[in-house]
């Protein structure tokens, strides 16, 4: 059965949901053996106007979603200063302009100020839910609403280029390493406020999501040509410490009986790969030396 992850290099203009649908169609039409119904999903959405790494889980790999919620992300992005839009990117309507363009040094200082832990307000044009409705749908209707801030962590904002490099005296390029759930469009808004101007995101590319990197990403067209070749097996995705069990121990756990293990890691939420005959069969935790299986992968 086909169970694993394919790392797609999502093109600009496609939603994450559209890419998932395409991958599902390809697998269904490939003739490869799969569980029914076939489940396909992504490990973290990417805006339609953004491009880059979009890990797509197939089959039982979709059960690993919760273990990738905290994956760090790396982005290459460009910000233009001097105006802002209602969406904080170039798809929106310009709502404010200014002649104030920050210097390279001012931006470098702002980068340092934004690094670390903070409470970030998401853009109003986002997929956040407000009373059961997406925020961007409410924003399009011109309705007033407030979004709650979310605690994020920015490891690094590296200013890569100045106006001489890009050819636009108001546009700058950055590489940003940050926690999951961080909005890059919110960073340009906050950075612009720090340097006394307005800003808009002009380009966004996700270079990595956890251990999934752009160097290993492929196009949907490449996947369609050789789908089986590009599906990374579950065993190569899960990097947790392993606990090897026997057939009798496996049957014991499956029948709901407690199973003691000898490990120095106890009373924590450290996940382990439960392995039978060198095949990962589940994700488990250990509490007081008692093994508890949280997710079965069989």
Foldseek 3Di string as FASTA:
>chain_A
DFWFKFKAFFDAQDWQVRLQVLLLVLVVVVPDDADPPKDKDWQATDDNRATATIIMTIHLNVVCNVVQQWWKWKKKFKKFWFWAFLQLAPVGDTDDGHPDADDPVLLVVLQVVPAFKDWFFDRQLDQDDDPRHGSNVCVVVVHDDGGGTDIWGWHGKAWDDACVVVVHNGMTIIMTIITPPDDVSRSQQSSCVSRVTGMGIYHMYIQDTHPRGRVLHYHSVVCSVPVVVRGDHPLVVDDAAEDEDEPVVVVCVVVPHKDFDDDPDAPDPRWYFYDYPNHGQFIWHHHPRTIDTDGGSD
